[in-house]
């Protein structure tokens, strides 16, 4: 699945393959994110809502 990430280093949006669907849990809430990589190997994260995360995680 392809997703649009924001690359902080180059300050532009990059569309790349989603490598992993991850969650970050705290006492009060759960955050959902996609993990990807740039062409030169840097990690990218994009926080998404639960509905988008559920669709991709099927």
PDB file of N, CA and C in Angstrom:
ATOM      1  N   UNK A   1       0.843  -1.181   0.000  1.00  0.00           N
ATOM      2  CA  UNK A   1       0.000   0.000   0.000  1.00  0.00           C
ATOM      3  C   UNK A   1       0.885   1.241   0.000  1.00  0.00           C
ATOM      4  N   UNK A   2       0.555   2.193  -0.805  1.00  0.00           N
ATOM      5  CA  UNK A   2       1.260   3.465  -0.883  1.00  0.00           C
ATOM      6  C   UNK A   2       0.607   4.478   0.056  1.00  0.00           C
ATOM      7  N   UNK A   3       1.424   5.360   0.636  1.00  0.00           N
ATOM      8  CA  UNK A   3       0.911   6.413   1.508  1.00  0.00           C
ATOM      9  C   UNK A   3       1.804   7.637   1.371  1.00  0.00           C
ATOM     10  N   UNK A   4       1.227   8.808   1.592  1.00  0.00           N
ATOM     11  CA  UNK A   4       1.980  10.056   1.505  1.00  0.00           C
ATOM     12  C   UNK A   4       2.542  10.398   2.877  1.00  0.00           C
ATOM     13  N   UNK A   5       3.858  10.528   2.966  1.00  0.00           N
ATOM     14  CA  UNK A   5       4.573  10.889   4.187  1.00  0.00           C
ATOM     15  C   UNK A   5       5.172  12.274   4.012  1.00  0.00           C
ATOM     16  N   UNK A   6       5.439  12.952   5.127  1.00  0.00           N
ATOM     17  CA  UNK A   6       6.151  14.227   5.081  1.00  0.00           C
ATOM     18  C   UNK A   6       7.596  13.973   5.493  1.00  0.00           C
ATOM     19  N   UNK A   7       8.532  14.291   4.605  1.00  0.00           N
ATOM     20  CA  UNK A   7       9.956  14.128   4.872  1.00  0.00           C
ATOM     21  C   UNK A   7      10.476  15.421   5.504  1.00  0.00           C
ATOM     22  N   UNK A   8      10.826  15.361   6.776  1.00  0.00           N
ATOM     23  CA  UNK A   8      11.239  16.547   7.522  1.00  0.00           C
ATOM     24  C   UNK A   8      12.562  17.097   7.003  1.00  0.00           C
ATOM     25  N   UNK A   9      13.462  16.227   6.620  1.00  0.00           N
ATOM     26  CA  UNK A   9      14.779  16.669   6.159  1.00  0.00           C
ATOM     27  C   UNK A   9      14.685  17.466   4.852  1.00  0.00           C
ATOM     28  N   UNK A  10      13.906  16.978   3.898  1.00  0.00           N
ATOM     29  CA  UNK A  10      13.784  17.684   2.615  1.00  0.00           C
ATOM     30  C   UNK A  10      12.623  18.662   2.592  1.00  0.00           C
ATOM     31  N   UNK A  11      11.782  18.644   3.622  1.00  0.00           N
ATOM     32  CA  UNK A  11      10.617  19.529   3.761  1.00  0.00           C
ATOM     33  C   UNK A  11       9.661  19.420   2.586  1.00  0.00           C
ATOM     34  N   UNK A  12       9.357  18.179   2.209  1.00  0.00           N
ATOM     35  CA  UNK A  12       8.378  17.948   1.148  1.00  0.00           C
ATOM     36  C   UNK A  12       7.670  16.618   1.371  1.00  0.00           C
ATOM     37  N   UNK A  13       6.543  16.444   0.696  1.00  0.00           N
ATOM     38  CA  UNK A  13       5.785  15.199   0.802  1.00  0.00           C
ATOM     39  C   UNK A  13       6.371  14.161  -0.138  1.00  0.00           C
ATOM     40  N   UNK A  14       6.407  12.915   0.349  1.00  0.00           N
ATOM     41  CA  UNK A  14       6.950  11.795  -0.406  1.00  0.00           C
ATOM     42  C   UNK A  14       5.941  10.657  -0.353  1.00  0.00           C
ATOM     43  N   UNK A  15       5.649  10.057  -1.490  1.00  0.00           N
ATOM     44  CA  UNK A  15       4.770   8.891  -1.522  1.00  0.00           C
ATOM     45  C   UNK A  15       5.635   7.648  -1.612  1.00  0.00           C
ATOM     46  N   UNK A  16       5.463   6.750  -0.642  1.00  0.00           N
ATOM     47  CA  UNK A  16       6.260   5.529  -0.601  1.00  0.00           C
ATOM     48  C   UNK A  16       5.433   4.384  -0.023  1.00  0.00           C
ATOM     49  N   UNK A  17       5.977   3.214  -0.059  1.00  0.00           N
ATOM     50  CA  UNK A  17       5.306   2.013   0.416  1.00  0.00           C
ATOM     51  C   UNK A  17       5.230   1.995   1.950  1.00  0.00           C
ATOM     52  N   UNK A  18       4.083   1.589   2.487  1.00  0.00           N
ATOM     53  CA  UNK A  18       3.925   1.409   3.928  1.00  0.00           C
ATOM     54  C   UNK A  18       4.570   0.082   4.298  1.00  0.00           C
ATOM     55  N   UNK A  19       5.556   0.120   5.193  1.00  0.00           N
ATOM     56  CA  UNK A  19       6.262  -1.085   5.602  1.00  0.00           C
ATOM     57  C   UNK A  19       5.622  -1.751   6.808  1.00  0.00           C
ATOM     58  N   UNK A  20       5.007  -0.931   7.661  1.00  0.00           N
ATOM     59  CA  UNK A  20       4.471  -1.473   8.907  1.00  0.00           C
ATOM     60  C   UNK A  20       3.378  -0.557   9.438  1.00  0.00           C
ATOM     61  N   UNK A  21       2.369  -1.156  10.065  1.00  0.00           N
ATOM     62  CA  UNK A  21       1.335  -0.410  10.781  1.00  0.00           C
ATOM     63  C   UNK A  21       1.657  -0.541  12.267  1.00  0.00           C
ATOM     64  N   UNK A  22       1.888   0.577  12.944  1.00  0.00           N
ATOM     65  CA  UNK A  22       2.309   0.538  14.341  1.00  0.00           C
ATOM     66  C   UNK A  22       1.335   1.313  15.222  1.00  0.00           C
ATOM     67  N   UNK A  23       1.346   0.980  16.523  1.00  0.00           N
ATOM     68  CA  UNK A  23       0.554   1.708  17.504  1.00  0.00           C
ATOM     69  C   UNK A  23       1.469   2.178  18.627  1.00  0.00           C
ATOM     70  N   UNK A  24       1.129   3.315  19.185  1.00  0.00           N
ATOM     71  CA  UNK A  24       1.825   3.866  20.335  1.00  0.00           C
ATOM     72  C   UNK A  24       0.786   4.028  21.438  1.00  0.00           C
ATOM     73  N   UNK A  25       0.968   3.311  22.541  1.00  0.00           N
ATOM     74  CA  UNK A  25      -0.026   3.323  23.613  1.00  0.00           C
ATOM     75  C   UNK A  25       0.501   4.076  24.826  1.00  0.00           C
ATOM     76  N   UNK A  26      -0.390   4.870  25.408  1.00  0.00           N
ATOM     77  CA  UNK A  26      -0.112   5.512  26.686  1.00  0.00           C
ATOM     78  C   UNK A  26      -1.279   5.189  27.605  1.00  0.00           C
ATOM     79  N   UNK A  27      -1.265   5.719  28.802  1.00  0.00           N
ATOM     80  CA  UNK A  27      -2.340   5.444  29.747  1.00  0.00           C
ATOM     81  C   UNK A  27      -3.682   5.979  29.262  1.00  0.00           C
ATOM     82  N   UNK A  28      -3.668   7.108  28.550  1.00  0.00           N
ATOM     83  CA  UNK A  28      -4.912   7.763  28.186  1.00  0.00           C
ATOM     84  C   UNK A  28      -5.370   7.511  26.761  1.00  0.00           C
ATOM     85  N   UNK A  29      -4.446   7.188  25.833  1.00  0.00           N
ATOM     86  CA  UNK A  29      -4.868   7.034  24.443  1.00  0.00           C
ATOM     87  C   UNK A  29      -3.931   6.130  23.656  1.00  0.00           C
ATOM     88  N   UNK A  30      -4.390   5.768  22.483  1.00  0.00           N
ATOM     89  CA  UNK A  30      -3.605   4.967  21.552  1.00  0.00           C
ATOM     90  C   UNK A  30      -3.485   5.752  20.254  1.00  0.00           C
ATOM     91  N   UNK A  31      -2.267   5.874  19.741  1.00  0.00           N
ATOM     92  CA  UNK A  31      -2.024   6.552  18.472  1.00  0.00           C
ATOM     93  C   UNK A  31      -1.682   5.510  17.418  1.00  0.00           C
ATOM     94  N   UNK A  32      -2.124   5.757  16.193  1.00  0.00           N
ATOM     95  CA  UNK A  32      -1.913   4.830  15.092  1.00  0.00           C
ATOM     96  C   UNK A  32      -1.040   5.501  14.043  1.00  0.00           C
ATOM     97  N   UNK A  33      -0.095   4.739  13.476  1.00  0.00           N
ATOM     98  CA  UNK A  33       0.834   5.320  12.512  1.00  0.00           C
ATOM     99  C   UNK A  33       1.257   4.303  11.469  1.00  0.00           C
ATOM    100  N   UNK A  34       1.727   4.832  10.329  1.00  0.00           N
ATOM    101  CA  UNK A  34       2.344   4.029   9.292  1.00  0.00           C
ATOM    102  C   UNK A  34       3.832   4.303   9.322  1.00  0.00           C
ATOM    103  N   UNK A  35       4.623   3.280   9.019  1.00  0.00           N
ATOM    104  CA  UNK A  35       6.065   3.420   8.966  1.00  0.00           C
ATOM    105  C   UNK A  35       6.512   3.135   7.540  1.00  0.00           C
ATOM    106  N   UNK A  36       7.408   3.976   7.020  1.00  0.00           N
ATOM    107  CA  UNK A  36       7.950   3.803   5.679  1.00  0.00           C
ATOM    108  C   UNK A  36       9.415   4.189   5.662  1.00  0.00           C
ATOM    109  N   UNK A  37      10.040   4.107   4.501  1.00  0.00           N
ATOM    110  CA  UNK A  37      11.448   4.481   4.349  1.00  0.00           C
ATOM    111  C   UNK A  37      11.615   5.321   3.099  1.00  0.00           C
ATOM    112  N   UNK A  38      12.560   6.259   3.154  1.00  0.00           N
ATOM    113  CA  UNK A  38      12.903   7.043   1.981  1.00  0.00           C
ATOM    114  C   UNK A  38      13.815   6.227   1.080  1.00  0.00           C
ATOM    115  N   UNK A  39      14.111   6.752  -0.097  1.00  0.00           N
ATOM    116  CA  UNK A  39      14.986   6.056  -1.042  1.00  0.00           C
ATOM    117  C   UNK A  39      16.396   5.884  -0.479  1.00  0.00           C
ATOM    118  N   UNK A  40      16.824   6.825   0.382  1.00  0.00           N
ATOM    119  CA  UNK A  40      18.166   6.709   0.965  1.00  0.00           C
ATOM    120  C   UNK A  40      18.165   6.017   2.332  1.00  0.00           C
ATOM    121  N   UNK A  41      17.033   5.420   2.742  1.00  0.00           N
ATOM    122  CA  UNK A  41      16.990   4.572   3.925  1.00  0.00           C
ATOM    123  C   UNK A  41      16.566   5.224   5.228  1.00  0.00           C
ATOM    124  N   UNK A  42      16.166   6.489   5.207  1.00  0.00           N
ATOM    125  CA  UNK A  42      15.700   7.141   6.432  1.00  0.00           C
ATOM    126  C   UNK A  42      14.273   6.722   6.750  1.00  0.00           C
ATOM    127  N   UNK A  43      13.951   6.618   8.032  1.00  0.00           N
ATOM    128  CA  UNK A  43      12.605   6.224   8.472  1.00  0.00           C
ATOM    129  C   UNK A  43      11.628   7.382   8.349  1.00  0.00           C
ATOM    130  N   UNK A  44      10.395   7.044   7.999  1.00  0.00           N
ATOM    131  CA  UNK A  44       9.307   8.012   7.927  1.00  0.00           C
ATOM    132  C   UNK A  44       8.135   7.486   8.741  1.00  0.00           C
ATOM    133  N   UNK A  45       7.434   8.381   9.432  1.00  0.00           N
ATOM    134  CA  UNK A  45       6.231   8.032  10.174  1.00  0.00           C
ATOM    135  C   UNK A  45       5.124   8.983   9.772  1.00  0.00           C
ATOM    136  N   UNK A  46       3.915   8.445   9.698  1.00  0.00           N
ATOM    137  CA  UNK A  46       2.744   9.262   9.425  1.00  0.00           C
ATOM    138  C   UNK A  46       1.633   8.809  10.356  1.00  0.00           C
ATOM    139  N   UNK A  47       1.168   9.708  11.200  1.00  0.00           N
ATOM    140  CA  UNK A  47       0.078   9.379  12.116  1.00  0.00           C
ATOM    141  C   UNK A  47      -1.241   9.463  11.362  1.00  0.00           C
ATOM    142  N   UNK A  48      -2.092   8.453  11.561  1.00  0.00           N
ATOM    143  CA  UNK A  48      -3.381   8.366  10.871  1.00  0.00           C
ATOM    144  C   UNK A  48      -4.465   8.047  11.891  1.00  0.00           C
ATOM    145  N   UNK A  49      -5.717   8.189  11.458  1.00  0.00           N
ATOM    146  CA  UNK A  49      -6.808   7.847  12.374  1.00  0.00           C
ATOM    147  C   UNK A  49      -7.050   6.334  12.367  1.00  0.00           C
ATOM    148  N   UNK A  50      -7.836   5.867  13.303  1.00  0.00           N
ATOM    149  CA  UNK A  50      -8.042   4.432  13.495  1.00  0.00           C
ATOM    150  C   UNK A  50      -8.699   3.763  12.293  1.00  0.00           C
ATOM    151  N   UNK A  51      -9.623   4.451  11.625  1.00  0.00           N
ATOM    152  CA  UNK A  51     -10.306   3.862  10.477  1.00  0.00           C
ATOM    153  C   UNK A  51      -9.334   3.579   9.331  1.00  0.00           C
ATOM    154  N   UNK A  52      -8.439   4.510   9.032  1.00  0.00           N
ATOM    155  CA  UNK A  52      -7.444   4.317   7.971  1.00  0.00           C
ATOM    156  C   UNK A  52      -6.476   3.205   8.370  1.00  0.00           C
ATOM    157  N   UNK A  53      -6.071   3.195   9.626  1.00  0.00           N
ATOM    158  CA  UNK A  53      -5.141   2.165  10.133  1.00  0.00           C
ATOM    159  C   UNK A  53      -5.779   0.781  10.041  1.00  0.00           C
ATOM    160  N   UNK A  54      -7.056   0.667  10.412  1.00  0.00           N
ATOM    161  CA  UNK A  54      -7.771  -0.610  10.352  1.00  0.00           C
ATOM    162  C   UNK A  54      -7.864  -1.131   8.921  1.00  0.00           C
ATOM    163  N   UNK A  55      -8.157  -0.241   7.955  1.00  0.00           N
ATOM    164  CA  UNK A  55      -8.253  -0.640   6.549  1.00  0.00           C
ATOM    165  C   UNK A  55      -6.909  -1.209   6.055  1.00  0.00           C
ATOM    166  N   UNK A  56      -5.840  -0.552   6.408  1.00  0.00           N
ATOM    167  CA  UNK A  56      -4.512  -0.955   5.935  1.00  0.00           C
ATOM    168  C   UNK A  56      -4.015  -2.198   6.648  1.00  0.00           C
ATOM    169  N   UNK A  57      -4.468  -2.421   7.864  1.00  0.00           N
ATOM    170  CA  UNK A  57      -3.956  -3.518   8.684  1.00  0.00           C
ATOM    171  C   UNK A  57      -4.687  -4.838   8.415  1.00  0.00           C
ATOM    172  N   UNK A  58      -5.656  -4.855   7.525  1.00  0.00           N
ATOM    173  CA  UNK A  58      -6.410  -6.091   7.226  1.00  0.00           C
ATOM    174  C   UNK A  58      -5.613  -7.028   6.375  1.00  0.00           C
TER     175      UNK A  58
END
